[in-house]
Amino acid sequence: MKTIDKYLFQALDNYPYSLEETIESLDYAFSYDAKNTMVLCLYGRIQTEQLWNYEEAKHYFQEALAINIHALEVYPHYLHTLILNEDYEEAQKLIDFALTVKGINKSEIFVKKAILLEAQEQFKEALREIKNAKLCALQFAFESDIIEVEKRIKGKIDLVEKKKKSKKSKKDSKKKSN
């Protein structure tokens, strides 16, 4: 095993529970190979998930994909960052491309597409993407994530429908009182 792998595994093992040890291991790994896409991806994740510095995270993800367009580990995290940063158009373009990358977990990308649509309050379209995610799912462990996103979207649909009914009943009661 290469030394960089040792430090990378330490960083992955420590993240997110021990950020100081994660960063220390990542810095060592980076010093061995500044073009390692896994290292860059984890730096990006830390920027997004811990520091909420989306622009800096995007830089790390872009750098990783510039080094290796087939760095499969980068796409889900990069998409998550773009959605959180409300870069919806950029996220859609990345989804479209990611679905063409050989070996990528298409189910995970479809879930990200559903989340993108959810963020844009296009809930019915999001549920269609959940169906695509289910059809592409090849890992049992990932199915629970799909189900959780689906429940959340359905819950939002219910909230929107209740809100519409509430507004309609208020309008009807105003008409009756006049």
Protein backbone atom coordinates (compact mmCIF):
# COMPACT_ATOMS: atom_id res chain seq x y z
CA MET A 1 0.00 0.00 0.00
CA LYS A 2 1.21 3.47 -0.83
CA THR A 3 1.82 5.96 1.97
CA ILE A 4 -0.78 8.31 0.51
CA ASP A 5 -3.39 5.55 0.80
CA LYS A 6 -2.58 5.12 4.48
CA TYR A 7 -3.18 8.81 5.16
CA LEU A 8 -6.25 8.91 2.94
CA PHE A 9 -7.78 5.94 4.79
CA GLN A 10 -7.02 7.64 8.10
CA ALA A 11 -8.73 10.81 6.90
CA LEU A 12 -11.79 8.90 5.66
CA ASP A 13 -11.92 6.89 8.87
CA ASN A 14 -11.77 10.03 11.03
CA TYR A 15 -14.27 12.08 9.03
CA PRO A 16 -16.55 13.65 10.29
CA TYR A 17 -15.97 12.59 13.90
CA SER A 18 -12.47 13.98 14.37
CA LEU A 19 -11.97 16.94 12.09
CA GLU A 20 -8.54 17.81 13.43
CA GLU A 21 -7.23 14.30 12.73
CA THR A 22 -9.02 14.30 9.37
CA ILE A 23 -7.31 17.50 8.28
CA GLU A 24 -3.93 16.32 9.55
CA SER A 25 -4.19 13.08 7.58
CA LEU A 26 -5.50 14.89 4.51
CA ASP A 27 -2.62 17.35 4.61
CA TYR A 28 -0.15 14.48 4.73
CA ALA A 29 -1.92 12.75 1.83
CA PHE A 30 -2.00 16.00 -0.14
CA SER A 31 1.75 16.47 0.40
CA TYR A 32 2.32 13.06 -1.25
CA ASP A 33 -0.03 13.71 -4.17
CA ALA A 34 -1.68 17.10 -4.73
CA LYS A 35 -3.67 15.63 -7.63
CA ASN A 36 -5.39 12.82 -5.75
CA THR A 37 -9.11 13.17 -6.46
CA MET A 38 -10.18 11.45 -3.24
CA VAL A 39 -8.13 13.92 -1.20
CA LEU A 40 -9.55 16.89 -3.12
CA CYS A 41 -13.06 15.49 -2.77
CA LEU A 42 -12.76 15.16 1.00
CA TYR A 43 -11.39 18.71 1.24
CA GLY A 44 -14.46 19.81 -0.73
CA ARG A 45 -16.79 17.88 1.54
CA ILE A 46 -15.26 19.51 4.61
CA GLN A 47 -15.80 22.93 3.04
CA THR A 48 -19.45 22.11 2.29
CA GLU A 49 -20.50 19.99 5.26
CA GLN A 50 -18.52 21.58 8.07
CA LEU A 51 -17.64 25.13 7.03
CA TRP A 52 -20.55 25.91 4.65
CA ASN A 53 -18.07 27.48 2.28
CA TYR A 54 -19.69 26.36 -0.95
CA GLU A 55 -17.57 28.39 -3.33
CA GLU A 56 -14.35 26.96 -1.90
CA ALA A 57 -15.86 23.47 -2.00
CA LYS A 58 -16.78 23.93 -5.66
CA HIS A 59 -13.16 24.82 -6.36
CA TYR A 60 -11.95 21.52 -4.86
CA PHE A 61 -14.55 19.48 -6.74
CA GLN A 62 -13.80 21.23 -10.03
CA GLU A 63 -10.09 20.65 -9.54
CA ALA A 64 -10.69 16.95 -8.89
CA LEU A 65 -12.82 16.56 -12.02
CA ALA A 66 -10.28 18.50 -14.09
CA ILE A 67 -7.69 15.93 -13.02
CA ASN A 68 -9.95 12.94 -13.66
CA ILE A 69 -13.41 13.27 -15.20
CA HIS A 70 -14.05 9.68 -14.09
CA ALA A 71 -13.53 10.45 -10.39
CA LEU A 72 -16.85 8.86 -9.46
CA GLU A 73 -16.59 9.80 -5.80
CA VAL A 74 -16.78 13.52 -6.63
CA TYR A 75 -20.12 13.76 -8.43
CA PRO A 76 -22.60 13.19 -5.56
CA HIS A 77 -20.80 15.59 -3.23
CA TYR A 78 -20.33 18.22 -5.91
CA LEU A 79 -24.03 18.00 -6.79
CA HIS A 80 -24.97 18.34 -3.13
CA THR A 81 -22.85 21.49 -2.89
CA LEU A 82 -24.35 23.00 -6.04
CA ILE A 83 -27.88 22.37 -4.77
CA LEU A 84 -27.13 23.90 -1.37
CA ASN A 85 -25.56 26.92 -3.08
CA GLU A 86 -28.65 27.25 -5.31
CA ASP A 87 -26.61 26.76 -8.46
CA TYR A 88 -29.49 24.86 -10.00
CA GLU A 89 -28.62 25.28 -13.67
CA GLU A 90 -25.04 24.17 -13.06
CA ALA A 91 -26.31 21.21 -11.02
CA GLN A 92 -28.62 20.13 -13.85
CA LYS A 93 -25.77 20.24 -16.35
CA LEU A 94 -23.57 18.17 -14.03
CA ILE A 95 -26.38 15.63 -13.53
CA ASP A 96 -26.83 15.29 -17.27
CA PHE A 97 -23.12 14.68 -17.70
CA ALA A 98 -22.76 12.41 -14.67
CA LEU A 99 -25.43 10.07 -16.03
CA THR A 100 -23.18 9.44 -19.04
CA VAL A 101 -20.11 8.52 -16.96
CA LYS A 102 -19.41 4.81 -17.09
CA GLY A 103 -19.53 3.10 -13.71
CA ILE A 104 -21.28 5.89 -11.83
CA ASN A 105 -24.02 5.00 -9.36
CA LYS A 106 -26.92 6.22 -11.50
CA SER A 107 -29.35 5.64 -8.68
CA GLU A 108 -27.49 8.12 -6.51
CA ILE A 109 -27.43 10.67 -9.33
CA PHE A 110 -31.18 10.30 -9.86
CA VAL A 111 -31.69 10.91 -6.14
CA LYS A 112 -29.61 14.08 -6.44
CA LYS A 113 -31.78 15.09 -9.41
CA ALA A 114 -34.87 14.51 -7.28
CA ILE A 115 -33.39 16.67 -4.53
CA LEU A 116 -32.59 19.38 -7.09
CA LEU A 117 -36.21 19.34 -8.26
CA GLU A 118 -37.39 19.31 -4.64
CA ALA A 119 -35.30 22.41 -3.94
CA GLN A 120 -37.06 24.08 -6.88
CA GLU A 121 -40.44 22.95 -5.49
CA GLN A 122 -41.09 20.70 -8.49
CA PHE A 123 -42.27 17.85 -6.28
CA LYS A 124 -44.12 15.70 -8.79
CA GLU A 125 -41.13 15.74 -11.16
CA ALA A 126 -38.91 14.87 -8.19
CA LEU A 127 -41.00 11.76 -7.51
CA ARG A 128 -40.48 10.67 -11.13
CA GLU A 129 -36.73 10.83 -10.55
CA ILE A 130 -37.15 8.78 -7.37
CA LYS A 131 -38.75 6.08 -9.54
CA ASN A 132 -35.71 6.21 -11.84
CA ALA A 133 -33.46 5.93 -8.80
CA LYS A 134 -35.34 2.85 -7.62
CA LEU A 135 -35.07 1.26 -11.04
CA CYS A 136 -31.31 1.80 -11.12
CA ALA A 137 -30.62 0.80 -7.51
CA LEU A 138 -28.19 -2.08 -7.29
CA GLN A 139 -27.26 -1.79 -3.63
CA PHE A 140 -29.63 -2.70 -0.84
CA ALA A 141 -28.10 -0.19 1.57
CA PHE A 142 -28.85 2.69 -0.79
CA GLU A 143 -32.56 1.85 -0.99
CA SER A 144 -33.24 3.26 2.48
CA ASP A 145 -31.80 6.62 1.38
CA ILE A 146 -34.10 6.62 -1.63
CA ILE A 147 -37.11 5.84 0.56
CA GLU A 148 -36.24 8.67 2.98
CA VAL A 149 -36.00 11.24 0.18
CA GLU A 150 -39.26 9.94 -1.29
CA LYS A 151 -41.03 10.29 2.10
CA ARG A 152 -39.76 13.83 2.50
CA ILE A 153 -40.96 14.84 -0.96
CA LYS A 154 -44.37 13.24 -0.42
CA GLY A 155 -44.61 15.08 2.89
CA LYS A 156 -43.98 18.36 1.10
CA ILE A 157 -46.62 17.53 -1.49
CA ASP A 158 -49.09 16.93 1.35
CA LEU A 159 -48.14 20.27 2.93
CA VAL A 160 -48.66 22.12 -0.35
CA GLU A 161 -52.05 20.46 -0.88
CA LYS A 162 -53.16 21.29 2.69
CA LYS A 163 -52.06 24.88 2.17
CA LYS A 164 -54.08 25.09 -1.06
CA LYS A 165 -57.16 23.63 0.65
CA SER A 166 -56.76 26.06 3.54
CA LYS A 167 -56.58 29.05 1.18
CA LYS A 168 -59.58 27.78 -0.77
CA SER A 169 -61.68 27.33 2.36
CA LYS A 170 -60.74 30.84 3.55
CA LYS A 171 -61.83 32.28 0.19
CA ASP A 172 -65.09 30.31 0.33
CA SER A 173 -65.86 31.53 3.85
CA LYS A 174 -65.15 35.16 2.84
CA LYS A 175 -67.53 34.81 -0.13
CA LYS A 176 -70.27 33.42 2.15
CA SER A 177 -69.86 36.22 4.70
CA ASN A 178 -70.15 38.90 2.00
